[in-house]
């Protein structure tokens, strides 16, 4: 078993070295395939060949930032450049792709933040609902004392003050107050 793990580690190291060397070799191959055009005008790079496009397509799954095209090593502004210099499309494309990548990352971060906030909002709504239910439960029970709850129930059923006083073990005056309280609560509703 240990030998199999060592063999697997060796294979992974060899593959990593191969990919590293391939990555180092790729930009040099692009520079060789795209010779610079020199002359009185500004320096520009030739269009990469189809072989380089296929090599780039192989690396698309890695989702790396785009590689800049071989745009030539301008050491400074060209002497006596024409008034209308052609734009460097490769550099513009690279800048746009890089900005697009940044914007996608920012958008994903915003989406994650919205999802997190939505979860918090849902939790807070559940908490508010639970608190409302508890408040309603307490407000309905807070109107009467627990020792007079049974008397209020009997008064709501329509019993008179004498019957309430007998069943609950309270005085006739207390039963009368409970009865008037029960009638008062039923009236506005």
Protein backbone atom coordinates (compact mmCIF):
# COMPACT_ATOMS: atom_id res chain seq x y z
CA UNK A 1 0.00 0.00 0.00
CA UNK A 2 2.81 2.41 0.91
CA UNK A 3 4.53 1.74 -2.41
CA UNK A 4 1.32 2.57 -4.30
CA UNK A 5 1.07 5.89 -2.47
CA UNK A 6 4.69 6.72 -3.27
CA UNK A 7 4.10 5.83 -6.91
CA UNK A 8 1.01 8.06 -7.01
CA UNK A 9 2.93 10.94 -5.41
CA UNK A 10 5.75 10.49 -7.95
CA UNK A 11 3.27 10.52 -10.84
CA UNK A 12 1.60 13.68 -9.53
CA UNK A 13 4.98 15.39 -9.13
CA UNK A 14 5.96 14.44 -12.68
CA UNK A 15 2.66 15.76 -14.03
CA UNK A 16 3.07 19.02 -12.10
CA UNK A 17 6.60 19.43 -13.50
CA UNK A 18 5.31 18.75 -17.02
CA UNK A 19 2.57 21.38 -16.69
CA UNK A 20 5.03 23.87 -15.21
CA UNK A 21 7.46 23.44 -18.08
CA UNK A 22 4.62 23.61 -20.58
CA UNK A 23 3.42 26.86 -19.03
CA UNK A 24 6.92 28.32 -19.20
CA UNK A 25 7.32 27.25 -22.80
CA UNK A 26 3.96 28.60 -24.02
CA UNK A 27 4.75 32.35 -23.93
CA UNK A 28 8.10 31.79 -25.72
CA UNK A 29 6.35 29.86 -28.49
CA UNK A 30 3.94 32.77 -28.95
CA UNK A 31 6.80 35.24 -29.22
CA UNK A 32 8.51 33.11 -31.85
CA UNK A 33 5.27 32.68 -33.79
CA UNK A 34 4.56 36.41 -33.72
CA UNK A 35 7.64 38.23 -35.06
CA UNK A 36 7.69 41.98 -34.75
CA UNK A 37 7.29 44.14 -37.76
CA UNK A 38 9.81 46.92 -37.74
CA UNK A 39 9.88 49.94 -39.87
CA UNK A 40 9.25 53.64 -39.75
CA UNK A 41 5.83 53.24 -38.04
CA UNK A 42 5.00 51.94 -34.58
CA UNK A 43 5.84 48.37 -33.72
CA UNK A 44 2.96 45.91 -33.84
CA UNK A 45 2.67 42.17 -33.32
CA UNK A 46 1.61 39.71 -35.95
CA UNK A 47 -1.59 37.72 -35.49
CA UNK A 48 -1.00 34.43 -33.62
CA UNK A 49 -1.27 31.25 -35.64
CA UNK A 50 -4.07 28.68 -35.46
CA UNK A 51 -1.73 26.30 -33.61
CA UNK A 52 -1.44 28.81 -30.78
CA UNK A 53 -5.22 29.19 -30.71
CA UNK A 54 -5.56 25.42 -30.24
CA UNK A 55 -2.99 25.47 -27.43
CA UNK A 56 -4.89 28.32 -25.77
CA UNK A 57 -8.14 26.37 -26.12
CA UNK A 58 -6.55 23.47 -24.21
CA UNK A 59 -5.86 25.81 -21.28
CA UNK A 60 -9.30 27.44 -21.21
CA UNK A 61 -10.54 24.96 -18.61
CA UNK A 62 -8.00 26.30 -16.12
CA UNK A 63 -9.81 29.68 -15.94
CA UNK A 64 -6.63 31.67 -15.56
CA UNK A 65 -6.50 35.34 -16.33
CA UNK A 66 -5.96 35.86 -20.05
CA UNK A 67 -2.37 36.01 -21.21
CA UNK A 68 -1.36 39.22 -22.94
CA UNK A 69 -0.61 38.80 -26.61
CA UNK A 70 2.95 39.38 -27.76
CA UNK A 71 2.60 43.10 -28.42
CA UNK A 72 6.24 43.87 -28.93
CA UNK A 73 8.54 45.50 -26.44
CA UNK A 74 8.02 49.20 -26.98
CA UNK A 75 10.83 51.00 -25.22
CA UNK A 76 9.13 54.32 -25.62
CA UNK A 77 7.08 56.33 -28.06
CA UNK A 78 8.16 55.83 -31.65
CA UNK A 79 9.99 58.65 -33.29
CA UNK A 80 7.91 60.43 -35.91
CA UNK A 81 4.76 58.36 -35.36
CA UNK A 82 1.92 59.02 -37.78
CA UNK A 83 -1.03 61.05 -36.48
CA UNK A 84 -3.43 58.04 -36.62
CA UNK A 85 -1.59 55.10 -34.99
CA UNK A 86 -3.51 51.80 -35.22
CA UNK A 87 -4.93 50.70 -31.84
CA UNK A 88 -3.41 47.77 -30.04
CA UNK A 89 -6.39 45.40 -30.14
CA UNK A 90 -4.68 42.62 -28.21
CA UNK A 91 -3.91 44.90 -25.26
CA UNK A 92 -7.44 46.32 -25.31
CA UNK A 93 -8.91 42.82 -25.41
CA UNK A 94 -6.70 41.71 -22.54
CA UNK A 95 -7.74 44.74 -20.47
CA UNK A 96 -11.42 44.11 -21.22
CA UNK A 97 -11.16 40.41 -20.33
CA UNK A 98 -9.36 41.26 -17.11
CA UNK A 99 -12.02 43.84 -16.19
CA UNK A 100 -14.73 41.31 -17.09
CA UNK A 101 -13.11 38.79 -14.77
CA UNK A 102 -12.99 41.33 -11.94
CA UNK A 103 -16.62 42.28 -12.50
CA UNK A 104 -17.70 38.63 -12.44
CA UNK A 105 -15.91 38.12 -9.14
CA UNK A 106 -17.52 41.24 -7.70
CA UNK A 107 -20.94 40.11 -8.95
CA UNK A 108 -20.49 36.69 -7.34
CA UNK A 109 -19.46 38.34 -4.07
CA UNK A 110 -22.60 40.50 -4.21
CA UNK A 111 -24.77 37.46 -4.91
CA UNK A 112 -23.25 35.65 -1.92
CA UNK A 113 -23.87 38.69 0.26
CA UNK A 114 -27.50 38.95 -0.88
CA UNK A 115 -28.04 35.25 -0.17
CA UNK A 116 -26.57 35.68 3.31
CA UNK A 117 -28.72 38.72 3.99
CA UNK A 118 -31.83 36.94 2.72
CA UNK A 119 -31.16 34.12 5.15
CA UNK A 120 -30.81 36.61 8.00
CA UNK A 121 -34.04 38.35 6.94
CA UNK A 122 -35.90 35.04 6.90
CA UNK A 123 -34.60 34.22 10.37
CA UNK A 124 -35.63 37.65 11.66
CA UNK A 125 -39.12 37.28 10.19
CA UNK A 126 -39.48 33.94 11.99
CA UNK A 127 -38.32 35.56 15.24
CA UNK A 128 -40.79 38.44 14.83
CA UNK A 129 -43.64 36.00 14.16
CA UNK A 130 -42.75 34.02 17.27
CA UNK A 131 -42.57 37.20 19.35
CA UNK A 132 -45.98 38.37 18.05
CA UNK A 133 -47.53 35.03 18.93
CA UNK A 134 -46.03 35.18 22.41
CA UNK A 135 -47.21 38.78 22.85
CA UNK A 136 -50.77 37.86 21.83
CA UNK A 137 -50.72 34.90 24.17
CA UNK A 138 -49.50 37.05 27.06
CA UNK A 139 -51.87 39.92 26.36
CA UNK A 140 -54.89 37.60 26.37
CA UNK A 141 -53.80 36.03 29.63
CA UNK A 142 -52.68 39.30 31.25
CA UNK A 143 -56.21 40.72 31.46
CA UNK A 144 -57.13 38.42 34.31
CA UNK A 145 -55.50 36.91 37.31
CA UNK A 146 -54.87 33.15 37.16
CA UNK A 147 -57.06 32.53 40.21
CA UNK A 148 -60.02 34.13 38.43
CA UNK A 149 -59.51 32.42 35.05
CA UNK A 150 -62.00 29.67 35.82
CA UNK A 151 -64.52 32.24 37.06
CA UNK A 152 -64.17 34.18 33.79
CA UNK A 153 -64.73 31.01 31.78
CA UNK A 154 -67.88 30.23 33.77
CA UNK A 155 -69.11 33.81 33.35
CA UNK A 156 -68.55 33.55 29.60
CA UNK A 157 -70.65 30.38 29.61
CA UNK A 158 -73.55 32.38 31.09
CA UNK A 159 -73.62 31.31 34.73
CA UNK A 160 -74.87 33.81 37.31
CA UNK A 161 -72.83 35.30 40.20
CA UNK A 162 -74.11 32.83 42.84
CA UNK A 163 -73.17 29.75 40.77
CA UNK A 164 -69.72 31.18 39.98
CA UNK A 165 -69.13 31.95 43.67
CA UNK A 166 -70.08 28.37 44.68
CA UNK A 167 -67.97 26.59 42.04
CA UNK A 168 -64.84 28.75 42.38
CA UNK A 169 -64.90 29.28 46.12
CA UNK A 170 -64.95 33.07 45.94
CA UNK A 171 -67.26 35.63 47.56
CA UNK A 172 -70.46 36.78 45.91
CA UNK A 173 -69.01 40.29 45.43
CA UNK A 174 -65.95 38.90 43.64
CA UNK A 175 -68.19 36.74 41.45
CA UNK A 176 -70.23 39.85 40.59
CA UNK A 177 -67.06 41.71 39.57
CA UNK A 178 -65.91 38.77 37.43
CA UNK A 179 -69.33 38.62 35.79
CA UNK A 180 -69.33 42.35 34.99
CA UNK A 181 -65.76 42.09 33.67
CA UNK A 182 -66.76 39.20 31.40
CA UNK A 183 -69.76 41.18 30.09
CA UNK A 184 -67.53 44.23 29.49
CA UNK A 185 -65.01 42.18 27.47
CA UNK A 186 -67.75 40.62 25.35
CA UNK A 187 -69.47 43.98 24.65
CA UNK A 188 -66.88 45.74 22.41
CA UNK A 189 -66.26 42.63 20.37
